[in-house]
Amino acid sequence: MNIRPLDLLDLPTLYRYRGEALSLDTARLLTRGNPLGAIGLMAYLNPDRHIYSAVASDDGVKLLGGISQSNGESFAKLLYLAPTAHLTHTALPALIEHLTTEAGAWGSFHVLAEVEETSQAFAALRLAGFSVYAWQRVWDLSAVEGQDMADHWHKVSGANLPAVQLLHHQIVPPLLQAIEPAPRRTGGWICPEGGRCYVGVASGVYGVLLTPLIHPEASDVAQKFVSLLKHLPERRNRPVYVCVRSYQAWLEPVLEDLGAKASPRQAVMVKHLTRVIKEEEALTRAAQPATAIPASRVSHIETKEPGATP
């Protein structure tokens, strides 16, 4: 088996697999479309994003995979695996491992992937060291209608950011907050009702994805969704989706009552990466007993050549 970075000679393979890619980044798929389509490939020109693709060749079969990391983020995301006809191939876990190693070189602490729980790729991800930390379902609100009403929302400003971060810490379970960090930039929409409702927004040519953080004590949640849907700027005719994680599952009956359509449930998976310590001295000190030698003596010994007497 041979695994190498994607190059120009692989363009025919990319073209052949363009309709056979399994997306592992739901937000990117719903807003920008097929990861091997024309718009998806243009992302390689984005200077604010690390993007890497690799090819695994084994027994005449070629497997493709991609990974990305946005500028300033501490995590990376698996983008796609292809072709879907070979998701059970024995070389796929090794390709996934190769991609996550690249993310480690970028400084990522962990890698995320989103996949339907019935997908054949689920087993390969588990073999590559991924585990499930949450579940999610995407709801399509495009056909939802309601009476026009006063806008309950306004754009998040710097003054609102502490309230959004507090809401995040109240809703996202503590064990998951290292994987899902609180928003650090202004963006999205907030409801002034005591800072109990926030919705992040990701948009692209193909759609708009809303990621809510809504406190269970918030009132009139269904009306708030309709209000936001009616007042999204420059929505045009793009579909609108809401991504609901398992720790906010109580929102699903609300969306169902509005007439939203649910997609199949997805597993949200994570692989934690070990940071490599490059300094040889740090490794040496870590291996020594804490009480073996005073700190000053260690400093003296480390300056000696091997075999020299003190």
Protein backbone atom coordinates (compact mmCIF):
# COMPACT_ATOMS: atom_id res chain seq x y z
CA MET A 1 0.00 0.00 0.00
CA ASN A 2 1.22 3.49 -0.87
CA ILE A 3 -0.14 6.75 0.61
CA ARG A 4 0.96 10.11 -0.80
CA PRO A 5 -0.27 13.70 -1.16
CA LEU A 6 -2.68 14.50 -3.97
CA ASP A 7 -0.99 16.03 -7.05
CA LEU A 8 -1.94 17.28 -10.50
CA LEU A 9 -1.67 13.80 -12.01
CA ASP A 10 -4.62 12.79 -9.82
CA LEU A 11 -7.06 15.23 -11.45
CA PRO A 12 -8.61 12.47 -13.63
CA THR A 13 -9.24 10.45 -10.46
CA LEU A 14 -10.82 13.48 -8.78
CA TYR A 15 -13.08 13.97 -11.77
CA ARG A 16 -14.06 10.29 -11.80
CA TYR A 17 -14.87 10.31 -8.07
CA ARG A 18 -16.66 13.67 -8.01
CA GLY A 19 -20.04 11.99 -7.55
CA GLU A 20 -18.76 9.32 -5.14
CA ALA A 21 -17.44 11.37 -2.24
CA LEU A 22 -18.71 10.88 1.29
CA SER A 23 -18.70 14.25 3.07
CA LEU A 24 -17.64 14.22 6.73
CA ASP A 25 -18.20 17.95 7.29
CA THR A 26 -21.95 18.56 7.27
CA ALA A 27 -21.79 22.36 7.45
CA ARG A 28 -19.47 22.51 4.47
CA LEU A 29 -21.61 20.08 2.46
CA LEU A 30 -24.87 21.98 3.05
CA THR A 31 -23.42 25.42 2.36
CA ARG A 32 -20.80 24.72 -0.33
CA GLY A 33 -21.92 21.46 -1.87
CA ASN A 34 -19.92 18.44 -3.05
CA PRO A 35 -16.37 18.57 -1.61
CA LEU A 36 -15.03 17.33 -4.95
CA GLY A 37 -17.17 19.75 -6.97
CA ALA A 38 -15.90 22.96 -8.54
CA ILE A 39 -16.74 25.17 -5.52
CA GLY A 40 -15.27 22.64 -3.10
CA LEU A 41 -11.98 22.51 -4.99
CA MET A 42 -11.76 26.32 -4.99
CA ALA A 43 -11.31 26.13 -1.22
CA TYR A 44 -7.73 25.02 -1.88
CA LEU A 45 -7.04 28.63 -2.87
CA ASN A 46 -8.23 30.01 0.49
CA PRO A 47 -5.18 31.32 2.44
CA ASP A 48 -7.13 31.25 5.73
CA ARG A 49 -7.50 27.47 5.71
CA HIS A 50 -5.18 24.49 5.82
CA ILE A 51 -6.47 21.91 3.33
CA TYR A 52 -4.75 18.64 2.52
CA SER A 53 -5.77 15.65 0.41
CA ALA A 54 -4.08 12.29 0.02
CA VAL A 55 -4.31 9.20 -2.17
CA ALA A 56 -3.96 5.61 -0.97
CA SER A 57 -3.23 2.97 -3.64
CA ASP A 58 -3.64 -0.71 -2.86
CA ASP A 59 -4.33 -3.70 -5.14
CA GLY A 60 -5.29 -1.44 -8.03
CA VAL A 61 -7.78 0.56 -5.94
CA LYS A 62 -7.33 4.28 -5.31
CA LEU A 63 -8.83 5.88 -2.20
CA LEU A 64 -9.02 9.64 -1.65
CA GLY A 65 -9.43 11.63 1.55
CA GLY A 66 -9.22 15.26 2.63
CA ILE A 67 -8.82 17.24 5.86
CA SER A 68 -8.97 20.94 6.71
CA GLN A 69 -8.34 23.40 9.52
CA SER A 70 -9.56 26.99 9.64
CA ASN A 71 -7.15 29.74 10.62
CA GLY A 72 -7.01 30.20 14.39
CA GLU A 73 -8.85 26.98 15.26
CA SER A 74 -7.38 24.32 17.56
CA PHE A 75 -9.08 21.43 15.73
CA ALA A 76 -9.27 20.04 12.21
CA LYS A 77 -12.12 18.39 10.31
CA LEU A 78 -12.11 15.43 7.98
CA LEU A 79 -13.63 16.70 4.72
CA TYR A 80 -14.38 13.62 2.64
CA LEU A 81 -13.55 10.03 1.77
CA ALA A 82 -13.94 8.58 -1.72
CA PRO A 83 -15.13 6.53 -3.47
CA THR A 84 -18.21 5.40 -1.57
CA ALA A 85 -17.95 1.99 -3.25
CA HIS A 86 -14.77 1.20 -1.28
CA LEU A 87 -15.54 2.46 2.22
CA THR A 88 -14.89 -1.05 3.60
CA HIS A 89 -11.45 -1.33 1.96
CA THR A 90 -8.73 -2.42 4.37
CA ALA A 91 -6.53 0.56 3.37
CA LEU A 92 -9.08 3.17 4.45
CA PRO A 93 -8.13 3.31 8.18
CA ALA A 94 -4.49 3.87 7.20
CA LEU A 95 -5.50 6.73 4.90
CA ILE A 96 -7.54 8.32 7.70
CA GLU A 97 -4.57 7.95 10.06
CA HIS A 98 -2.34 9.65 7.48
CA LEU A 99 -4.75 12.59 7.24
CA THR A 100 -4.92 13.03 11.02
CA THR A 101 -1.13 12.98 11.21
CA GLU A 102 -1.09 15.95 8.84
CA ALA A 103 -3.52 17.76 11.15
CA GLY A 104 -1.14 17.13 14.04
CA ALA A 105 1.62 18.87 12.08
CA TRP A 106 -0.67 21.93 11.84
CA GLY A 107 -0.93 22.02 15.64
CA SER A 108 -4.46 20.57 15.91
CA PHE A 109 -5.41 19.06 19.26
CA HIS A 110 -8.14 16.87 17.80
CA VAL A 111 -9.88 15.97 14.54
CA LEU A 112 -13.66 15.85 14.04
CA ALA A 113 -15.79 13.86 11.61
CA GLU A 114 -19.57 13.69 11.12
CA VAL A 115 -21.04 10.56 9.58
CA GLU A 116 -24.38 8.77 9.53
CA GLU A 117 -24.37 5.98 12.08
CA THR A 118 -25.31 3.44 9.40
CA SER A 119 -22.48 4.49 7.04
CA GLN A 120 -19.86 1.93 6.08
CA ALA A 121 -17.21 4.55 6.93
CA PHE A 122 -18.16 4.35 10.61
CA ALA A 123 -16.12 1.18 11.17
CA ALA A 124 -13.06 2.60 9.38
CA LEU A 125 -13.16 5.73 11.54
CA ARG A 126 -13.33 3.63 14.69
CA LEU A 127 -10.32 1.58 13.54
CA ALA A 128 -8.44 4.85 12.92
CA GLY A 129 -8.95 5.93 16.54
CA PHE A 130 -12.16 7.99 16.34
CA SER A 131 -14.88 7.72 18.98
CA VAL A 132 -18.42 9.12 19.23
CA TYR A 133 -18.83 12.08 21.56
CA ALA A 134 -22.28 13.33 20.46
CA TRP A 135 -25.08 12.77 17.98
CA GLN A 136 -26.68 15.31 15.71
CA ARG A 137 -29.55 15.69 13.28
CA VAL A 138 -30.02 18.34 10.62
CA TRP A 139 -33.50 19.80 10.14
CA ASP A 140 -34.60 21.47 6.91
CA LEU A 141 -36.62 24.63 7.65
CA SER A 142 -36.95 25.73 4.02
CA ALA A 143 -40.67 24.96 3.80
CA VAL A 144 -41.56 26.38 7.21
CA GLU A 145 -44.06 29.19 7.03
CA GLY A 146 -45.43 31.46 9.68
CA GLN A 147 -46.86 34.87 10.30
CA ASP A 148 -44.49 37.75 9.88
CA MET A 149 -43.67 39.23 13.26
CA ALA A 150 -41.36 41.62 14.96
CA ASP A 151 -37.70 40.64 14.80
CA HIS A 152 -36.57 39.13 18.12
CA TRP A 153 -32.94 38.95 17.04
CA HIS A 154 -29.97 41.19 16.42
CA LYS A 155 -26.44 40.52 15.22
CA VAL A 156 -23.87 39.62 17.83
CA SER A 157 -21.49 42.46 18.65
CA GLY A 158 -18.39 42.58 20.83
CA ALA A 159 -20.55 43.62 23.76
CA ASN A 160 -22.68 40.46 23.38
CA LEU A 161 -19.77 38.02 23.14
CA PRO A 162 -19.43 37.39 26.92
CA ALA A 163 -23.14 36.53 27.11
CA VAL A 164 -22.78 34.09 24.18
CA GLN A 165 -19.78 32.44 25.82
CA LEU A 166 -21.63 32.11 29.12
CA LEU A 167 -24.59 30.51 27.33
CA HIS A 168 -22.21 28.08 25.63
CA HIS A 169 -20.76 27.02 29.00
CA GLN A 170 -24.28 26.53 30.40
CA ILE A 171 -25.48 24.32 27.54
CA VAL A 172 -22.49 22.36 26.22
CA PRO A 173 -21.52 19.60 28.69
CA PRO A 174 -18.20 20.31 30.47
CA LEU A 175 -16.53 17.20 29.03
CA LEU A 176 -17.25 18.45 25.50
CA GLN A 177 -16.15 22.05 25.89
CA ALA A 178 -12.54 21.23 25.04
CA ILE A 179 -13.79 19.77 21.76
CA GLU A 180 -16.40 22.45 21.11
CA PRO A 181 -14.83 25.74 22.25
CA ALA A 182 -16.99 28.77 22.93
CA PRO A 183 -17.28 31.34 20.11
CA ARG A 184 -14.37 33.78 20.13
CA ARG A 185 -15.50 36.04 17.29
CA THR A 186 -18.57 38.16 16.75
CA GLY A 187 -21.04 36.61 14.36
CA GLY A 188 -24.43 34.98 14.38
CA TRP A 189 -27.59 36.25 16.07
CA ILE A 190 -28.62 36.73 19.67
CA CYS A 191 -31.99 37.25 21.28
CA PRO A 192 -31.96 39.96 23.97
CA GLU A 193 -34.14 37.83 26.26
CA GLY A 194 -31.60 37.56 29.07
CA GLY A 195 -28.96 36.07 26.75
CA ARG A 196 -30.82 32.76 26.49
CA CYS A 197 -30.85 32.36 22.72
CA TYR A 198 -27.94 32.41 20.28
CA VAL A 199 -27.70 31.05 16.74
CA GLY A 200 -24.46 30.69 14.80
CA VAL A 201 -24.74 31.05 11.03
CA ALA A 202 -22.71 29.40 8.26
CA SER A 203 -23.72 30.32 4.73
CA GLY A 204 -22.63 29.52 1.22
CA VAL A 205 -23.88 29.27 -2.33
CA TYR A 206 -25.94 26.16 -1.60
CA GLY A 207 -27.56 26.97 1.73
CA VAL A 208 -27.57 28.46 5.22
CA LEU A 209 -26.88 26.36 8.33
CA LEU A 210 -28.00 27.55 11.77
CA THR A 211 -26.33 26.19 14.91
CA PRO A 212 -28.44 27.12 17.96
CA LEU A 213 -27.56 27.48 21.61
CA ILE A 214 -30.91 27.93 23.32
CA HIS A 215 -31.48 27.70 27.05
CA PRO A 216 -34.32 25.34 28.07
CA GLU A 217 -35.93 28.19 30.00
CA ALA A 218 -36.26 30.35 26.87
CA SER A 219 -39.86 31.17 25.92
CA ASP A 220 -41.65 31.03 22.55
CA VAL A 221 -38.81 29.11 20.90
CA ALA A 222 -40.88 28.12 17.85
CA GLN A 223 -41.84 31.75 17.21
CA LYS A 224 -38.22 32.78 17.56
CA PHE A 225 -37.16 30.29 14.88
CA VAL A 226 -39.86 31.63 12.53
CA SER A 227 -38.83 35.20 13.29
CA LEU A 228 -35.18 34.45 12.50
CA LEU A 229 -36.13 32.59 9.34
CA LYS A 230 -38.15 35.58 8.13
CA HIS A 231 -35.40 38.08 8.79
CA LEU A 232 -32.23 36.32 7.65
CA PRO A 233 -30.44 38.86 5.46
CA GLU A 234 -29.81 37.99 1.81
CA ARG A 235 -31.29 34.55 2.18
CA ARG A 236 -32.74 34.66 -1.33
CA ASN A 237 -34.01 31.18 -2.25
CA ARG A 238 -31.33 29.21 -0.46
CA PRO A 239 -32.49 26.40 1.84
CA VAL A 240 -32.10 26.92 5.58
CA TYR A 241 -31.06 24.13 7.94
CA VAL A 242 -30.76 23.79 11.72
CA CYS A 243 -28.18 21.45 13.25
CA VAL A 244 -29.29 20.04 16.62
CA ARG A 245 -26.76 18.22 18.79
CA SER A 246 -27.82 15.50 21.24
CA TYR A 247 -27.38 17.75 24.28
CA GLN A 248 -30.14 19.98 22.86
CA ALA A 249 -32.46 17.20 21.73
CA TRP A 250 -35.42 18.97 23.34
CA LEU A 251 -35.42 21.32 20.32
CA GLU A 252 -36.36 18.52 17.92
CA PRO A 253 -40.10 18.34 18.84
CA VAL A 254 -40.25 22.13 18.46
CA LEU A 255 -38.83 21.91 14.93
CA GLU A 256 -41.05 18.96 14.08
CA ASP A 257 -44.15 20.92 15.14
CA LEU A 258 -43.05 23.75 12.83
CA GLY A 259 -43.02 21.32 9.89
CA ALA A 260 -39.25 21.01 9.53
CA LYS A 261 -37.92 17.83 7.91
CA ALA A 262 -35.29 15.74 9.71
CA SER A 263 -32.28 14.07 8.12
CA PRO A 264 -30.86 10.73 9.34
CA ARG A 265 -29.02 10.88 12.65
CA GLN A 266 -25.26 11.42 12.47
CA ALA A 267 -22.49 10.42 14.83
CA VAL A 268 -20.16 13.29 15.73
CA MET A 269 -16.76 11.68 16.17
CA VAL A 270 -13.45 12.89 17.54
CA LYS A 271 -9.86 11.71 17.56
CA HIS A 272 -7.57 13.31 20.13
CA LEU A 273 -4.03 13.96 18.92
CA THR A 274 -0.87 13.72 21.02
CA ARG A 275 1.37 16.76 20.69
CA VAL A 276 4.94 15.81 19.82
CA ILE A 277 7.61 17.27 22.12
CA LYS A 278 10.57 18.02 19.90
CA GLU A 279 13.00 19.18 22.60
CA GLU A 280 15.17 16.23 23.57
CA GLU A 281 15.92 17.74 26.96
CA ALA A 282 12.23 17.91 27.83
CA LEU A 283 11.84 14.21 27.08
CA THR A 284 14.86 13.39 29.24
CA ARG A 285 13.57 15.37 32.20
CA ALA A 286 10.10 13.81 31.87
CA ALA A 287 11.63 10.34 32.12
CA GLN A 288 13.59 11.07 35.33
CA PRO A 289 12.11 10.62 38.84
CA ALA A 290 10.99 13.91 40.30
CA THR A 291 13.22 13.54 43.39
CA ALA A 292 16.29 12.03 41.73
CA ILE A 293 18.51 15.12 41.51
CA PRO A 294 18.08 18.76 42.53
CA ALA A 295 17.28 21.14 39.69
CA SER A 296 20.67 22.88 39.85
CA ARG A 297 22.49 19.53 39.58
CA VAL A 298 20.41 18.54 36.53
CA SER A 299 21.38 21.77 34.84
CA HIS A 300 25.06 20.97 35.51
CA ILE A 301 24.86 17.40 34.19
CA GLU A 302 23.01 18.37 31.02
CA THR A 303 25.95 20.51 29.94
CA LYS A 304 28.37 17.55 30.02
CA GLU A 305 29.18 15.38 27.04
CA PRO A 306 28.17 11.71 27.29
CA GLY A 307 30.74 9.78 29.30
CA ALA A 308 32.30 12.86 30.92
CA THR A 309 32.87 12.95 34.67
CA PRO A 310 31.19 15.60 36.80
